[in-house]
Amino acid sequence: MVFAGHFDERDLETARRTYPGRRPVINTDGGLEIHPAGPGQPAPLLGDPHHR
């Protein structure tokens, strides 16, 4: 699931509470992605926001 917009760490925390067991991440466009449960940190579909 991908939400377009400009999200930050507060939104990431809200997504963690809203989608328990899922792995939310913010992508390079500032969008919020909700990934299925699994091991490790998910890779954003639109790249890593820390490596622009």
PDB file of N, CA and C in Angstrom:
ATOM      1  N   MET A   1       0.854  -1.143   0.000  1.00  0.00           N
ATOM      2  CA  MET A   1       0.000   0.000   0.000  1.00  0.00           C
ATOM      3  C   MET A   1       0.916   1.225   0.000  1.00  0.00           C
ATOM      4  N   VAL A   2       0.603   2.218  -0.851  1.00  0.00           N
ATOM      5  CA  VAL A   2       1.416   3.427  -0.933  1.00  0.00           C
ATOM      6  C   VAL A   2       0.506   4.644  -0.794  1.00  0.00           C
ATOM      7  N   PHE A   3       0.882   5.565   0.094  1.00  0.00           N
ATOM      8  CA  PHE A   3       0.161   6.814   0.283  1.00  0.00           C
ATOM      9  C   PHE A   3       1.037   7.950  -0.235  1.00  0.00           C
ATOM     10  N   ALA A   4       0.500   8.757  -1.138  1.00  0.00           N
ATOM     11  CA  ALA A   4       1.243   9.902  -1.669  1.00  0.00           C
ATOM     12  C   ALA A   4       1.118  11.075  -0.704  1.00  0.00           C
ATOM     13  N   GLY A   5       2.149  11.895  -0.659  1.00  0.00           N
ATOM     14  CA  GLY A   5       2.139  13.070   0.208  1.00  0.00           C
ATOM     15  C   GLY A   5       3.517  13.282   0.792  1.00  0.00           C
ATOM     16  N   HIS A   6       3.589  14.107   1.805  1.00  0.00           N
ATOM     17  CA  HIS A   6       4.864  14.378   2.486  1.00  0.00           C
ATOM     18  C   HIS A   6       4.705  13.945   3.937  1.00  0.00           C
ATOM     19  N   PHE A   7       5.242  12.783   4.241  1.00  0.00           N
ATOM     20  CA  PHE A   7       5.114  12.199   5.568  1.00  0.00           C
ATOM     21  C   PHE A   7       6.431  12.321   6.314  1.00  0.00           C
ATOM     22  N   ASP A   8       6.377  12.228   7.630  1.00  0.00           N
ATOM     23  CA  ASP A   8       7.578  12.305   8.453  1.00  0.00           C
ATOM     24  C   ASP A   8       7.556  11.201   9.513  1.00  0.00           C
ATOM     25  N   GLU A   9       8.477  11.285  10.456  1.00  0.00           N
ATOM     26  CA  GLU A   9       8.613  10.250  11.485  1.00  0.00           C
ATOM     27  C   GLU A   9       7.349  10.087  12.332  1.00  0.00           C
ATOM     28  N   ARG A  10       6.635  11.182  12.571  1.00  0.00           N
ATOM     29  CA  ARG A  10       5.387  11.082  13.345  1.00  0.00           C
ATOM     30  C   ARG A  10       4.366  10.223  12.603  1.00  0.00           C
ATOM     31  N   ASP A  11       4.294  10.408  11.274  1.00  0.00           N
ATOM     32  CA  ASP A  11       3.374   9.608  10.465  1.00  0.00           C
ATOM     33  C   ASP A  11       3.797   8.145  10.447  1.00  0.00           C
ATOM     34  N   LEU A  12       5.104   7.928  10.446  1.00  0.00           N
ATOM     35  CA  LEU A  12       5.633   6.566  10.470  1.00  0.00           C
ATOM     36  C   LEU A  12       5.212   5.857  11.755  1.00  0.00           C
ATOM     37  N   GLU A  13       5.278   6.555  12.893  1.00  0.00           N
ATOM     38  CA  GLU A  13       4.855   5.978  14.171  1.00  0.00           C
ATOM     39  C   GLU A  13       3.355   5.689  14.169  1.00  0.00           C
ATOM     40  N   THR A  14       2.573   6.599  13.601  1.00  0.00           N
ATOM     41  CA  THR A  14       1.124   6.385  13.504  1.00  0.00           C
ATOM     42  C   THR A  14       0.828   5.160  12.648  1.00  0.00           C
ATOM     43  N   ALA A  15       1.548   5.001  11.536  1.00  0.00           N
ATOM     44  CA  ALA A  15       1.347   3.848  10.652  1.00  0.00           C
ATOM     45  C   ALA A  15       1.700   2.545  11.365  1.00  0.00           C
ATOM     46  N   ARG A  16       2.728   2.569  12.206  1.00  0.00           N
ATOM     47  CA  ARG A  16       3.102   1.355  12.955  1.00  0.00           C
ATOM     48  C   ARG A  16       1.984   0.928  13.895  1.00  0.00           C
ATOM     49  N   ARG A  17       1.314   1.911  14.506  1.00  0.00           N
ATOM     50  CA  ARG A  17       0.202   1.593  15.407  1.00  0.00           C
ATOM     51  C   ARG A  17      -1.052   1.199  14.627  1.00  0.00           C
ATOM     52  N   THR A  18      -1.261   1.812  13.474  1.00  0.00           N
ATOM     53  CA  THR A  18      -2.452   1.563  12.668  1.00  0.00           C
ATOM     54  C   THR A  18      -2.401   0.222  11.951  1.00  0.00           C
ATOM     55  N   TYR A  19      -1.208  -0.160  11.510  1.00  0.00           N
ATOM     56  CA  TYR A  19      -1.025  -1.413  10.759  1.00  0.00           C
ATOM     57  C   TYR A  19      -0.081  -2.341  11.525  1.00  0.00           C
ATOM     58  N   PRO A  20      -0.521  -2.876  12.670  1.00  0.00           N
ATOM     59  CA  PRO A  20       0.367  -3.744  13.465  1.00  0.00           C
ATOM     60  C   PRO A  20       0.805  -4.963  12.665  1.00  0.00           C
ATOM     61  N   GLY A  21       2.079  -5.297  12.799  1.00  0.00           N
ATOM     62  CA  GLY A  21       2.630  -6.447  12.087  1.00  0.00           C
ATOM     63  C   GLY A  21       3.146  -6.096  10.706  1.00  0.00           C
ATOM     64  N   ARG A  22       2.809  -4.919  10.211  1.00  0.00           N
ATOM     65  CA  ARG A  22       3.297  -4.474   8.903  1.00  0.00           C
ATOM     66  C   ARG A  22       4.555  -3.643   9.094  1.00  0.00           C
ATOM     67  N   ARG A  23       5.229  -3.338   7.987  1.00  0.00           N
ATOM     68  CA  ARG A  23       6.474  -2.578   8.055  1.00  0.00           C
ATOM     69  C   ARG A  23       6.355  -1.298   7.228  1.00  0.00           C
ATOM     70  N   PRO A  24       5.984  -0.173   7.855  1.00  0.00           N
ATOM     71  CA  PRO A  24       5.879   1.090   7.128  1.00  0.00           C
ATOM     72  C   PRO A  24       7.257   1.708   6.884  1.00  0.00           C
ATOM     73  N   VAL A  25       7.377   2.419   5.773  1.00  0.00           N
ATOM     74  CA  VAL A  25       8.633   3.091   5.430  1.00  0.00           C
ATOM     75  C   VAL A  25       8.295   4.331   4.597  1.00  0.00           C
ATOM     76  N   ILE A  26       9.114   5.374   4.734  1.00  0.00           N
ATOM     77  CA  ILE A  26       8.946   6.586   3.924  1.00  0.00           C
ATOM     78  C   ILE A  26       9.897   6.490   2.741  1.00  0.00           C
ATOM     79  N   ASN A  27       9.377   6.736   1.531  1.00  0.00           N
ATOM     80  CA  ASN A  27      10.210   6.622   0.324  1.00  0.00           C
ATOM     81  C   ASN A  27      10.812   7.971  -0.067  1.00  0.00           C
ATOM     82  N   THR A  28      11.562   8.002  -1.174  1.00  0.00           N
ATOM     83  CA  THR A  28      12.280   9.213  -1.598  1.00  0.00           C
ATOM     84  C   THR A  28      11.365  10.367  -1.935  1.00  0.00           C
ATOM     85  N   ASP A  29      10.141  10.092  -2.357  1.00  0.00           N
ATOM     86  CA  ASP A  29       9.190  11.156  -2.681  1.00  0.00           C
ATOM     87  C   ASP A  29       8.459  11.665  -1.446  1.00  0.00           C
ATOM     88  N   GLY A  30       8.769  11.120  -0.267  1.00  0.00           N
ATOM     89  CA  GLY A  30       8.092  11.512   0.959  1.00  0.00           C
ATOM     90  C   GLY A  30       6.794  10.761   1.182  1.00  0.00           C
ATOM     91  N   GLY A  31       6.519   9.784   0.301  1.00  0.00           N
ATOM     92  CA  GLY A  31       5.320   8.970   0.435  1.00  0.00           C
ATOM     93  C   GLY A  31       5.490   7.914   1.513  1.00  0.00           C
ATOM     94  N   LEU A  32       4.390   7.396   1.957  1.00  0.00           N
ATOM     95  CA  LEU A  32       4.389   6.370   3.000  1.00  0.00           C
ATOM     96  C   LEU A  32       4.010   5.041   2.384  1.00  0.00           C
ATOM     97  N   GLU A  33       4.864   4.049   2.546  1.00  0.00           N
ATOM     98  CA  GLU A  33       4.610   2.705   2.027  1.00  0.00           C
ATOM     99  C   GLU A  33       4.384   1.757   3.194  1.00  0.00           C
ATOM    100  N   ILE A  34       3.383   0.895   3.068  1.00  0.00           N
ATOM    101  CA  ILE A  34       3.100  -0.114   4.088  1.00  0.00           C
ATOM    102  C   ILE A  34       3.423  -1.470   3.472  1.00  0.00           C
ATOM    103  N   HIS A  35       4.477  -2.107   3.966  1.00  0.00           N
ATOM    104  CA  HIS A  35       4.931  -3.399   3.451  1.00  0.00           C
ATOM    105  C   HIS A  35       4.403  -4.540   4.320  1.00  0.00           C
ATOM    106  N   PRO A  36       4.264  -5.732   3.743  1.00  0.00           N
ATOM    107  CA  PRO A  36       3.815  -6.883   4.535  1.00  0.00           C
ATOM    108  C   PRO A  36       4.822  -7.227   5.637  1.00  0.00           C
ATOM    109  N   ALA A  37       4.373  -8.025   6.566  1.00  0.00           N
ATOM    110  CA  ALA A  37       5.258  -8.480   7.637  1.00  0.00           C
ATOM    111  C   ALA A  37       6.401  -9.289   7.049  1.00  0.00           C
ATOM    112  N   GLY A  38       7.526  -9.290   7.727  1.00  0.00           N
ATOM    113  CA  GLY A  38       8.678 -10.057   7.276  1.00  0.00           C
ATOM    114  C   GLY A  38       9.909  -9.662   8.059  1.00  0.00           C
ATOM    115  N   PRO A  39      11.005 -10.323   7.779  1.00  0.00           N
ATOM    116  CA  PRO A  39      12.246 -10.023   8.500  1.00  0.00           C
ATOM    117  C   PRO A  39      12.927  -8.769   7.959  1.00  0.00           C
ATOM    118  N   GLY A  40      13.635  -8.078   8.819  1.00  0.00           N
ATOM    119  CA  GLY A  40      14.447  -6.944   8.394  1.00  0.00           C
ATOM    120  C   GLY A  40      13.659  -5.715   7.990  1.00  0.00           C
ATOM    121  N   GLN A  41      14.416  -4.713   7.569  1.00  0.00           N
ATOM    122  CA  GLN A  41      13.845  -3.441   7.135  1.00  0.00           C
ATOM    123  C   GLN A  41      13.414  -3.560   5.670  1.00  0.00           C
ATOM    124  N   PRO A  42      12.207  -3.119   5.312  1.00  0.00           N
ATOM    125  CA  PRO A  42      11.767  -3.207   3.922  1.00  0.00           C
ATOM    126  C   PRO A  42      12.491  -2.194   3.039  1.00  0.00           C
ATOM    127  N   ALA A  43      12.662  -2.516   1.771  1.00  0.00           N
ATOM    128  CA  ALA A  43      13.252  -1.591   0.808  1.00  0.00           C
ATOM    129  C   ALA A  43      12.119  -0.795   0.166  1.00  0.00           C
ATOM    130  N   PRO A  44      12.167   0.539   0.233  1.00  0.00           N
ATOM    131  CA  PRO A  44      11.113   1.345  -0.375  1.00  0.00           C
ATOM    132  C   PRO A  44      11.003   1.070  -1.875  1.00  0.00           C
ATOM    133  N   LEU A  45       9.799   1.078  -2.390  1.00  0.00           N
ATOM    134  CA  LEU A  45       9.578   0.870  -3.817  1.00  0.00           C
ATOM    135  C   LEU A  45      10.162   2.008  -4.644  1.00  0.00           C
ATOM    136  N   LEU A  46      10.188   3.203  -4.085  1.00  0.00           N
ATOM    137  CA  LEU A  46      10.697   4.374  -4.797  1.00  0.00           C
ATOM    138  C   LEU A  46      12.077   4.797  -4.308  1.00  0.00           C
ATOM    139  N   GLY A  47      12.845   3.896  -3.732  1.00  0.00           N
ATOM    140  CA  GLY A  47      14.205   4.191  -3.301  1.00  0.00           C
ATOM    141  C   GLY A  47      14.297   4.554  -1.837  1.00  0.00           C
ATOM    142  N   ASP A  48      15.521   4.677  -1.376  1.00  0.00           N
ATOM    143  CA  ASP A  48      15.824   4.981   0.020  1.00  0.00           C
ATOM    144  C   ASP A  48      15.911   6.483   0.219  1.00  0.00           C
ATOM    145  N   PRO A  49      15.101   7.076   1.112  1.00  0.00           N
ATOM    146  CA  PRO A  49      15.122   8.527   1.304  1.00  0.00           C
ATOM    147  C   PRO A  49      16.440   9.036   1.856  1.00  0.00           C
ATOM    148  N   HIS A  50      17.270   8.177   2.406  1.00  0.00           N
ATOM    149  CA  HIS A  50      18.556   8.604   2.965  1.00  0.00           C
ATOM    150  C   HIS A  50      19.659   8.574   1.910  1.00  0.00           C
ATOM    151  N   HIS A  51      19.359   8.119   0.701  1.00  0.00           N
ATOM    152  CA  HIS A  51      20.346   8.052  -0.397  1.00  0.00           C
ATOM    153  C   HIS A  51      19.790   8.726  -1.632  1.00  0.00           C
ATOM    154  N   ARG A  52      19.479  10.003  -1.518  1.00  0.00           N
ATOM    155  CA  ARG A  52      18.895  10.740  -2.655  1.00  0.00           C
ATOM    156  C   ARG A  52      19.951  11.136  -3.651  1.00  0.00           C
TER     157      ARG A  52
END
